[in-house]
Amino acid sequence: MHPVKRGIIIFIAVVAFNFAIAGNAAASVITVNNSTGQVADFISIQAAVNAAGPGDEIIVKPGIYEENIEITKPLTILSESGNPSDTIIQAADNSKDIFGIWANEVSIKGFSIRGSDLAAGIHFFWSY
């Protein structure tokens, strides 16, 4: 293969690789803690969701969070411990869903949820 063609192919491969990893590098990690313990970016999960960009990861420290959370973008929300017994979301308004999810690619892991009088604490809304 001619050296110029080889150089062009290598250049295109490097540029394509940089674009591929740039999308992953843009995601941020946001922390939530509602106690007097460790410092975090936010004290409520909803505030973190509101501030997050699509694809961001929200890490929630152990505690009881009284909230009803609306999610309208792709996000990952994880309890820091991964233990549902120490990271609990209690409905602030028991007539509403604890999680109302209006987006695809939402991942929620490691929580106990309680206190919603609705049929489900997590409600996925589908749009056609």
N, C-alpha and C. Protein backbone atom coordinates (compact mmCIF):
# COMPACT_ATOMS: atom_id res chain seq x y z
N MET A 1 0.85 -1.17 0.00
CA MET A 1 0.00 0.00 0.00
C MET A 1 0.90 1.23 0.00
N HIS A 2 0.48 2.23 -0.73
CA HIS A 2 1.23 3.48 -0.84
C HIS A 2 1.26 4.17 0.53
N PRO A 3 2.42 4.74 0.92
CA PRO A 3 2.54 5.37 2.24
C PRO A 3 1.52 6.49 2.49
N VAL A 4 1.13 7.25 1.48
CA VAL A 4 0.16 8.33 1.67
C VAL A 4 -1.21 7.74 2.00
N LYS A 5 -1.60 6.69 1.27
CA LYS A 5 -2.89 6.05 1.54
C LYS A 5 -2.91 5.45 2.95
N ARG A 6 -1.79 4.83 3.34
CA ARG A 6 -1.69 4.25 4.68
C ARG A 6 -1.84 5.36 5.73
N GLY A 7 -1.20 6.50 5.50
CA GLY A 7 -1.28 7.62 6.42
C GLY A 7 -2.70 8.17 6.53
N ILE A 8 -3.40 8.24 5.41
CA ILE A 8 -4.78 8.72 5.42
C ILE A 8 -5.67 7.75 6.19
N ILE A 9 -5.51 6.46 5.97
CA ILE A 9 -6.31 5.45 6.68
C ILE A 9 -6.05 5.53 8.18
N ILE A 10 -4.80 5.67 8.57
CA ILE A 10 -4.47 5.77 10.00
C ILE A 10 -5.08 7.05 10.59
N PHE A 11 -5.00 8.16 9.85
CA PHE A 11 -5.57 9.41 10.32
C PHE A 11 -7.08 9.28 10.53
N ILE A 12 -7.78 8.68 9.57
CA ILE A 12 -9.23 8.49 9.68
C ILE A 12 -9.56 7.60 10.87
N ALA A 13 -8.78 6.55 11.08
CA ALA A 13 -9.02 5.65 12.21
C ALA A 13 -8.84 6.38 13.54
N VAL A 14 -7.82 7.21 13.65
CA VAL A 14 -7.57 7.96 14.89
C VAL A 14 -8.68 8.97 15.14
N VAL A 15 -9.12 9.67 14.11
CA VAL A 15 -10.21 10.64 14.27
C VAL A 15 -11.50 9.92 14.68
N ALA A 16 -11.82 8.81 14.04
CA ALA A 16 -13.02 8.05 14.38
C ALA A 16 -12.96 7.57 15.84
N PHE A 17 -11.81 7.09 16.28
CA PHE A 17 -11.64 6.64 17.66
C PHE A 17 -11.86 7.80 18.63
N ASN A 18 -11.31 8.97 18.33
CA ASN A 18 -11.47 10.13 19.21
C ASN A 18 -12.94 10.55 19.30
N PHE A 19 -13.67 10.51 18.18
CA PHE A 19 -15.10 10.83 18.24
C PHE A 19 -15.86 9.80 19.07
N ALA A 20 -15.48 8.55 18.96
CA ALA A 20 -16.17 7.49 19.71
C ALA A 20 -15.98 7.66 21.21
N ILE A 21 -14.79 7.98 21.66
CA ILE A 21 -14.57 8.13 23.10
C ILE A 21 -15.00 9.49 23.62
N ALA A 22 -15.09 10.49 22.75
CA ALA A 22 -15.52 11.82 23.19
C ALA A 22 -16.94 11.79 23.72
N GLY A 23 -17.82 11.01 23.11
CA GLY A 23 -19.20 10.91 23.57
C GLY A 23 -19.28 10.35 24.98
N ASN A 24 -18.45 9.38 25.30
CA ASN A 24 -18.45 8.79 26.64
C ASN A 24 -17.82 9.73 27.66
N ALA A 25 -16.84 10.50 27.25
CA ALA A 25 -16.15 11.39 28.18
C ALA A 25 -17.03 12.55 28.61
N ALA A 26 -18.07 12.85 27.85
CA ALA A 26 -18.92 14.00 28.15
C ALA A 26 -19.84 13.75 29.35
N ALA A 27 -20.11 12.50 29.69
CA ALA A 27 -21.01 12.20 30.81
C ALA A 27 -20.36 12.62 32.13
N SER A 28 -21.19 13.16 33.01
CA SER A 28 -20.72 13.60 34.32
C SER A 28 -21.25 12.69 35.41
N VAL A 29 -20.57 12.71 36.55
CA VAL A 29 -21.04 12.01 37.75
C VAL A 29 -21.47 13.08 38.74
N ILE A 30 -22.70 12.97 39.21
CA ILE A 30 -23.28 13.93 40.15
C ILE A 30 -23.62 13.18 41.43
N THR A 31 -23.31 13.78 42.57
CA THR A 31 -23.58 13.11 43.85
C THR A 31 -24.72 13.79 44.61
N VAL A 32 -25.42 12.97 45.42
CA VAL A 32 -26.54 13.47 46.23
C VAL A 32 -26.37 12.94 47.64
N ASN A 33 -26.56 13.83 48.62
CA ASN A 33 -26.52 13.45 50.03
C ASN A 33 -27.42 14.40 50.80
N ASN A 34 -28.41 13.87 51.51
CA ASN A 34 -29.32 14.74 52.26
C ASN A 34 -29.04 14.76 53.76
N SER A 35 -27.90 14.25 54.16
CA SER A 35 -27.56 14.26 55.59
C SER A 35 -26.38 15.19 55.82
N THR A 36 -25.93 15.25 57.06
CA THR A 36 -24.82 16.12 57.40
C THR A 36 -23.47 15.45 57.18
N GLY A 37 -23.49 14.28 56.59
CA GLY A 37 -22.26 13.52 56.36
C GLY A 37 -21.42 14.10 55.23
N GLN A 38 -21.07 13.27 54.30
CA GLN A 38 -20.18 13.64 53.21
C GLN A 38 -20.76 14.75 52.35
N VAL A 39 -19.88 15.58 51.83
CA VAL A 39 -20.27 16.66 50.94
C VAL A 39 -20.69 16.05 49.60
N ALA A 40 -21.73 16.63 48.99
CA ALA A 40 -22.21 16.17 47.70
C ALA A 40 -22.64 17.37 46.87
N ASP A 41 -22.92 17.11 45.60
CA ASP A 41 -23.32 18.19 44.70
C ASP A 41 -24.72 18.72 45.01
N PHE A 42 -25.64 17.82 45.43
CA PHE A 42 -27.03 18.20 45.68
C PHE A 42 -27.55 17.50 46.93
N ILE A 43 -28.63 18.05 47.52
CA ILE A 43 -29.26 17.41 48.68
C ILE A 43 -30.55 16.70 48.30
N SER A 44 -30.99 16.82 47.05
CA SER A 44 -32.17 16.08 46.61
C SER A 44 -31.87 15.40 45.27
N ILE A 45 -32.51 14.27 45.07
CA ILE A 45 -32.33 13.54 43.82
C ILE A 45 -32.93 14.34 42.67
N GLN A 46 -34.11 14.95 42.89
CA GLN A 46 -34.74 15.72 41.82
C GLN A 46 -33.87 16.89 41.38
N ALA A 47 -33.21 17.57 42.30
CA ALA A 47 -32.32 18.67 41.93
C ALA A 47 -31.17 18.15 41.06
N ALA A 48 -30.65 16.98 41.41
CA ALA A 48 -29.58 16.38 40.61
C ALA A 48 -30.09 16.00 39.23
N VAL A 49 -31.29 15.43 39.16
CA VAL A 49 -31.90 15.07 37.87
C VAL A 49 -32.08 16.32 37.01
N ASN A 50 -32.58 17.39 37.61
CA ASN A 50 -32.79 18.63 36.87
C ASN A 50 -31.49 19.19 36.31
N ALA A 51 -30.42 19.08 37.06
CA ALA A 51 -29.13 19.64 36.64
C ALA A 51 -28.36 18.72 35.69
N ALA A 52 -28.69 17.45 35.68
CA ALA A 52 -27.95 16.47 34.89
C ALA A 52 -28.20 16.66 33.40
N GLY A 53 -27.20 16.25 32.63
CA GLY A 53 -27.35 16.19 31.19
C GLY A 53 -27.66 14.76 30.77
N PRO A 54 -28.13 14.58 29.55
CA PRO A 54 -28.41 13.23 29.07
C PRO A 54 -27.18 12.33 29.20
N GLY A 55 -27.37 11.14 29.75
CA GLY A 55 -26.28 10.19 29.91
C GLY A 55 -25.49 10.33 31.19
N ASP A 56 -25.78 11.34 32.01
CA ASP A 56 -25.06 11.52 33.27
C ASP A 56 -25.42 10.42 34.26
N GLU A 57 -24.55 10.27 35.26
CA GLU A 57 -24.75 9.29 36.32
C GLU A 57 -24.93 10.02 37.64
N ILE A 58 -25.98 9.67 38.37
CA ILE A 58 -26.25 10.28 39.67
C ILE A 58 -26.02 9.21 40.74
N ILE A 59 -25.11 9.50 41.66
CA ILE A 59 -24.78 8.59 42.76
C ILE A 59 -25.42 9.15 44.03
N VAL A 60 -26.29 8.34 44.65
CA VAL A 60 -27.03 8.77 45.83
C VAL A 60 -26.46 8.08 47.06
N LYS A 61 -26.02 8.87 48.01
CA LYS A 61 -25.46 8.34 49.25
C LYS A 61 -26.58 7.78 50.13
N PRO A 62 -26.27 6.85 51.03
CA PRO A 62 -27.30 6.25 51.89
C PRO A 62 -28.09 7.31 52.67
N GLY A 63 -29.36 7.02 52.86
CA GLY A 63 -30.25 7.92 53.59
C GLY A 63 -31.68 7.68 53.16
N ILE A 64 -32.59 8.45 53.77
CA ILE A 64 -34.00 8.41 53.38
C ILE A 64 -34.29 9.73 52.68
N TYR A 65 -34.79 9.62 51.45
CA TYR A 65 -35.07 10.78 50.61
C TYR A 65 -36.58 10.86 50.41
N GLU A 66 -37.21 11.94 50.87
CA GLU A 66 -38.65 12.13 50.70
C GLU A 66 -38.86 12.96 49.44
N GLU A 67 -39.18 12.26 48.35
CA GLU A 67 -39.28 12.92 47.06
C GLU A 67 -40.23 12.17 46.14
N ASN A 68 -40.71 12.88 45.14
CA ASN A 68 -41.35 12.31 43.96
C ASN A 68 -40.51 12.83 42.80
N ILE A 69 -39.98 11.94 42.00
CA ILE A 69 -38.94 12.30 41.04
C ILE A 69 -39.45 12.12 39.61
N GLU A 70 -39.33 13.16 38.80
CA GLU A 70 -39.69 13.14 37.38
C GLU A 70 -38.41 13.10 36.56
N ILE A 71 -38.31 12.13 35.67
CA ILE A 71 -37.12 11.97 34.83
C ILE A 71 -37.52 12.12 33.37
N THR A 72 -36.89 13.06 32.68
CA THR A 72 -37.24 13.35 31.29
C THR A 72 -36.06 13.21 30.34
N LYS A 73 -34.99 12.58 30.79
CA LYS A 73 -33.81 12.40 29.93
C LYS A 73 -33.11 11.11 30.31
N PRO A 74 -32.30 10.55 29.42
CA PRO A 74 -31.58 9.32 29.74
C PRO A 74 -30.58 9.57 30.87
N LEU A 75 -30.70 8.81 31.95
CA LEU A 75 -29.83 8.95 33.13
C LEU A 75 -29.62 7.60 33.79
N THR A 76 -28.58 7.54 34.60
CA THR A 76 -28.38 6.41 35.50
C THR A 76 -28.41 6.96 36.91
N ILE A 77 -29.24 6.37 37.75
CA ILE A 77 -29.34 6.78 39.16
C ILE A 77 -29.02 5.55 40.00
N LEU A 78 -27.94 5.63 40.77
CA LEU A 78 -27.46 4.49 41.55
C LEU A 78 -27.33 4.86 43.01
N SER A 79 -27.68 3.91 43.89
CA SER A 79 -27.35 4.12 45.30
C SER A 79 -25.85 3.83 45.45
N GLU A 80 -25.18 4.65 46.21
CA GLU A 80 -23.73 4.49 46.37
C GLU A 80 -23.38 3.13 46.97
N SER A 81 -24.17 2.69 47.93
CA SER A 81 -23.87 1.42 48.61
C SER A 81 -24.35 0.22 47.79
N GLY A 82 -25.32 0.43 46.92
CA GLY A 82 -25.92 -0.69 46.20
C GLY A 82 -26.87 -1.49 47.08
N ASN A 83 -27.11 -1.02 48.29
CA ASN A 83 -27.91 -1.75 49.27
C ASN A 83 -29.27 -1.06 49.44
N PRO A 84 -30.35 -1.66 48.97
CA PRO A 84 -31.67 -1.03 49.09
C PRO A 84 -32.12 -0.80 50.53
N SER A 85 -31.53 -1.48 51.50
CA SER A 85 -31.97 -1.29 52.88
C SER A 85 -31.45 0.00 53.50
N ASP A 86 -30.43 0.63 52.91
CA ASP A 86 -29.93 1.87 53.50
C ASP A 86 -30.08 3.09 52.58
N THR A 87 -30.67 2.91 51.40
CA THR A 87 -30.92 4.03 50.50
C THR A 87 -32.38 3.92 50.07
N ILE A 88 -33.22 4.76 50.69
CA ILE A 88 -34.67 4.63 50.58
C ILE A 88 -35.26 5.92 50.03
N ILE A 89 -36.18 5.75 49.09
CA ILE A 89 -36.93 6.89 48.59
C ILE A 89 -38.37 6.73 49.05
N GLN A 90 -38.79 7.66 49.88
CA GLN A 90 -40.14 7.70 50.45
C GLN A 90 -40.91 8.78 49.69
N ALA A 91 -42.13 8.47 49.27
CA ALA A 91 -42.94 9.45 48.54
C ALA A 91 -43.17 10.70 49.38
N ALA A 92 -42.87 11.87 48.84
CA ALA A 92 -43.20 13.12 49.50
C ALA A 92 -44.70 13.38 49.39
N ASP A 93 -45.27 12.99 48.24
CA ASP A 93 -46.71 13.08 48.01
C ASP A 93 -47.18 11.68 47.64
N ASN A 94 -47.89 11.03 48.55
CA ASN A 94 -48.25 9.63 48.32
C ASN A 94 -49.32 9.45 47.25
N SER A 95 -49.86 10.53 46.71
CA SER A 95 -50.82 10.42 45.61
C SER A 95 -50.13 10.45 44.25
N LYS A 96 -48.80 10.56 44.25
CA LYS A 96 -48.02 10.60 43.01
C LYS A 96 -47.05 9.43 42.96
N ASP A 97 -46.57 9.15 41.74
CA ASP A 97 -45.54 8.14 41.57
C ASP A 97 -44.25 8.60 42.26
N ILE A 98 -43.49 7.65 42.75
CA ILE A 98 -42.19 8.01 43.31
C ILE A 98 -41.24 8.36 42.17
N PHE A 99 -41.24 7.54 41.13
CA PHE A 99 -40.49 7.85 39.91
C PHE A 99 -41.47 7.93 38.75
N GLY A 100 -41.52 9.06 38.08
CA GLY A 100 -42.25 9.22 36.82
C GLY A 100 -41.19 9.32 35.74
N ILE A 101 -41.14 8.34 34.85
CA ILE A 101 -40.06 8.27 33.86
C ILE A 101 -40.64 8.56 32.48
N TRP A 102 -40.14 9.62 31.86
CA TRP A 102 -40.61 10.10 30.56
C TRP A 102 -39.51 10.01 29.51
N ALA A 103 -38.56 9.10 29.68
CA ALA A 103 -37.42 9.01 28.76
C ALA A 103 -36.99 7.56 28.61
N ASN A 104 -36.30 7.29 27.51
CA ASN A 104 -35.67 5.99 27.30
C ASN A 104 -34.30 6.00 27.96
N GLU A 105 -33.71 4.83 28.11
CA GLU A 105 -32.35 4.67 28.62
C GLU A 105 -32.17 5.24 30.02
N VAL A 106 -33.13 4.95 30.89
CA VAL A 106 -33.05 5.33 32.29
C VAL A 106 -32.76 4.07 33.09
N SER A 107 -31.76 4.14 33.96
CA SER A 107 -31.40 3.02 34.81
C SER A 107 -31.43 3.47 36.26
N ILE A 108 -32.15 2.72 37.10
CA ILE A 108 -32.26 3.03 38.53
C ILE A 108 -31.92 1.75 39.28
N LYS A 109 -30.91 1.80 40.16
CA LYS A 109 -30.46 0.59 40.85
C LYS A 109 -30.12 0.86 42.32
N GLY A 110 -30.50 -0.09 43.17
CA GLY A 110 -30.03 -0.10 44.55
C GLY A 110 -30.88 0.67 45.55
N PHE A 111 -32.17 0.89 45.27
CA PHE A 111 -33.03 1.65 46.15
C PHE A 111 -34.21 0.82 46.63
N SER A 112 -34.71 1.16 47.81
CA SER A 112 -36.05 0.75 48.23
C SER A 112 -36.93 1.96 47.98
N ILE A 113 -38.15 1.71 47.50
CA ILE A 113 -39.09 2.81 47.33
C ILE A 113 -40.35 2.45 48.10
N ARG A 114 -40.95 3.47 48.72
CA ARG A 114 -42.14 3.21 49.52
C ARG A 114 -42.98 4.47 49.67
N GLY A 115 -44.26 4.23 49.96
CA GLY A 115 -45.14 5.34 50.32
C GLY A 115 -46.04 5.85 49.22
N SER A 116 -46.03 5.26 48.04
CA SER A 116 -46.94 5.70 46.99
C SER A 116 -48.22 4.89 47.08
N ASP A 117 -49.37 5.58 47.06
CA ASP A 117 -50.66 4.90 47.09
C ASP A 117 -51.11 4.45 45.70
N LEU A 118 -50.34 4.80 44.68
CA LEU A 118 -50.68 4.40 43.32
C LEU A 118 -50.36 2.93 43.11
N ALA A 119 -50.73 2.42 41.96
CA ALA A 119 -50.50 1.00 41.66
C ALA A 119 -49.02 0.65 41.64
N ALA A 120 -48.18 1.61 41.29
CA ALA A 120 -46.74 1.34 41.22
C ALA A 120 -45.96 2.56 41.69
N GLY A 121 -44.85 2.32 42.30
CA GLY A 121 -44.00 3.43 42.71
C GLY A 121 -43.19 3.99 41.55
N ILE A 122 -43.05 3.20 40.49
CA ILE A 122 -42.32 3.63 39.30
C ILE A 122 -43.30 3.56 38.13
N HIS A 123 -43.44 4.67 37.42
CA HIS A 123 -44.38 4.73 36.31
C HIS A 123 -43.63 5.16 35.06
N PHE A 124 -43.69 4.30 34.03
CA PHE A 124 -43.08 4.62 32.75
C PHE A 124 -44.16 5.20 31.84
N PHE A 125 -43.91 6.38 31.31
CA PHE A 125 -44.87 7.01 30.40
C PHE A 125 -44.37 6.80 28.98
N TRP A 126 -45.21 6.26 28.13
CA TRP A 126 -44.84 5.99 26.74
C TRP A 126 -45.43 7.04 25.84
N SER A 127 -44.65 7.50 24.91
CA SER A 127 -45.17 8.43 23.91
C SER A 127 -45.07 7.76 22.54
N TYR A 128 -46.06 7.97 21.73
CA TYR A 128 -46.09 7.34 20.41
C TYR A 128 -45.92 8.36 19.32
